């Protein structure tokens, strides 16, 4: 499927401003600045397993079905329920404190998260 694959962060915009707005501690923000996060997506129709693997070995895994309420986890480790949608080829989710979209553009995974007037953009290149 379109999203399936492994991706590694290539560039980020507004990382620091976004993480500050999310109230992450300064040391955590600093540590995460140059992380080469690997995102692995397994898509089977409307079913997704979306994993983010951090250099420390920690990973965050969200499993969801488009259009059905699923239990998810935020960057900060908080559990919540959300219904993920597909809008114009983009995966769209409303997390408790921010709005998130993801799409494949030019063979790259483009993720955009918005909180208030701050937009964080992460572009990841396909590894496999």
Protein backbone atom coordinates (compact mmCIF):
# COMPACT_ATOMS: atom_id res chain seq x y z
CA UNK A 1 0.00 0.00 0.00
CA UNK A 2 1.02 3.62 -0.45
CA UNK A 3 2.28 4.22 3.10
CA UNK A 4 4.01 0.89 3.78
CA UNK A 5 7.76 1.17 4.27
CA UNK A 6 10.59 2.34 6.55
CA UNK A 7 11.50 6.02 6.60
CA UNK A 8 14.30 7.99 8.27
CA UNK A 9 14.05 11.67 9.21
CA UNK A 10 15.70 13.83 6.58
CA UNK A 11 14.62 17.33 7.69
CA UNK A 12 12.45 19.13 10.23
CA UNK A 13 10.98 22.62 10.44
CA UNK A 14 9.89 24.34 13.68
CA UNK A 15 10.84 21.35 15.86
CA UNK A 16 11.91 23.43 18.85
CA UNK A 17 8.93 25.83 18.80
CA UNK A 18 6.47 22.94 18.49
CA UNK A 19 8.03 20.91 21.31
CA UNK A 20 8.10 24.00 23.57
CA UNK A 21 4.42 24.55 22.83
CA UNK A 22 3.85 20.89 23.78
CA UNK A 23 5.48 21.74 27.14
CA UNK A 24 8.32 19.23 26.80
CA UNK A 25 11.28 19.90 29.14
CA UNK A 26 14.21 21.81 27.58
CA UNK A 27 16.63 18.90 28.07
CA UNK A 28 14.28 16.51 26.25
CA UNK A 29 13.85 19.00 23.39
CA UNK A 30 17.63 19.46 23.12
CA UNK A 31 18.26 15.71 23.15
CA UNK A 32 15.70 15.08 20.42
CA UNK A 33 16.96 17.81 18.07
CA UNK A 34 19.18 15.63 15.93
CA UNK A 35 17.51 12.27 16.42
CA UNK A 36 17.30 10.23 13.25
CA UNK A 37 13.91 8.75 14.02
CA UNK A 38 12.90 5.77 11.89
CA UNK A 39 9.21 5.46 11.11
CA UNK A 40 7.92 2.09 10.01
CA UNK A 41 4.46 1.87 8.49
CA UNK A 42 2.62 -1.33 7.72
CA UNK A 43 -0.59 -0.72 5.82
CA UNK A 44 -3.08 -3.44 5.02
CA UNK A 45 -6.06 -1.73 3.39
CA UNK A 46 -7.49 0.55 6.09
CA UNK A 47 -5.46 -1.09 8.89
CA UNK A 48 -2.21 0.58 9.94
CA UNK A 49 0.63 -0.17 12.32
CA UNK A 50 2.63 3.06 12.69
CA UNK A 51 5.89 2.71 14.62
CA UNK A 52 8.45 5.35 15.51
CA UNK A 53 11.82 3.96 16.56
CA UNK A 54 14.16 6.30 18.43
CA UNK A 55 18.00 6.00 18.52
CA UNK A 56 17.78 5.10 22.21
CA UNK A 57 15.91 1.95 21.26
CA UNK A 58 12.60 3.29 22.60
CA UNK A 59 9.69 2.92 20.22
CA UNK A 60 6.12 4.16 20.03
CA UNK A 61 3.60 2.00 18.17
CA UNK A 62 0.09 3.03 17.20
CA UNK A 63 -2.30 0.57 15.56
CA UNK A 64 -5.45 1.94 14.00
CA UNK A 65 -8.15 1.35 11.41
CA UNK A 66 -9.25 4.28 9.26
CA UNK A 67 -12.69 5.46 10.37
CA UNK A 68 -12.77 3.44 13.61
CA UNK A 69 -11.97 4.66 17.11
CA UNK A 70 -8.60 3.31 18.23
CA UNK A 71 -6.45 3.64 21.33
CA UNK A 72 -3.38 5.69 20.50
CA UNK A 73 -0.34 7.10 22.29
CA UNK A 74 1.08 10.64 22.12
CA UNK A 75 4.77 11.56 21.79
CA UNK A 76 4.75 12.06 25.54
CA UNK A 77 3.39 8.56 26.20
CA UNK A 78 -0.21 9.52 27.06
CA UNK A 79 -2.91 7.08 25.94
CA UNK A 80 -6.06 8.42 24.28
CA UNK A 81 -8.80 7.36 21.87
CA UNK A 82 -9.12 8.86 18.40
CA UNK A 83 -10.68 8.14 15.04
CA UNK A 84 -8.07 8.44 12.29
CA UNK A 85 -9.39 9.55 8.90
CA UNK A 86 -8.13 9.45 5.34
CA UNK A 87 -8.66 12.78 3.56
CA UNK A 88 -7.35 13.23 0.01
CA UNK A 89 -4.66 10.57 0.46
CA UNK A 90 -3.56 11.99 3.84
CA UNK A 91 -3.81 10.20 7.17
CA UNK A 92 -5.42 12.71 9.56
CA UNK A 93 -5.56 12.43 13.36
CA UNK A 94 -6.47 14.78 16.17
CA UNK A 95 -4.22 14.13 19.15
CA UNK A 96 -5.18 15.69 22.53
CA UNK A 97 -3.00 18.78 22.02
CA UNK A 98 -2.27 18.88 18.30
CA UNK A 99 -3.57 18.08 14.80
CA UNK A 100 -1.47 15.65 12.73
CA UNK A 101 -1.41 14.75 9.03
CA UNK A 102 0.81 12.38 7.11
CA UNK A 103 1.13 11.80 3.39
CA UNK A 104 3.49 10.32 0.84
CA UNK A 105 4.78 13.05 -1.48
CA UNK A 106 7.57 12.46 -3.98
CA UNK A 107 8.29 9.09 -2.38
CA UNK A 108 8.85 10.73 1.03
CA UNK A 109 6.80 10.63 4.22
CA UNK A 110 5.66 14.17 5.02
CA UNK A 111 4.20 14.68 8.51
CA UNK A 112 2.71 17.95 9.69
CA UNK A 113 1.66 18.62 13.28
CA UNK A 114 -0.03 21.84 14.34
CA UNK A 115 -0.64 23.26 17.79
CA UNK A 116 -2.12 26.75 17.90
CA UNK A 117 -0.14 28.87 15.45
CA UNK A 118 2.94 26.60 15.40
CA UNK A 119 3.36 24.05 12.61
CA UNK A 120 6.02 21.35 12.82
CA UNK A 121 6.98 19.62 9.57
CA UNK A 122 9.03 16.43 9.38
CA UNK A 123 10.16 14.93 6.08
CA UNK A 124 11.49 11.37 6.05
CA UNK A 125 13.19 9.55 3.19
CA UNK A 126 12.22 5.99 2.31
CA UNK A 127 14.73 3.35 3.45
CA UNK A 128 12.83 0.28 2.27
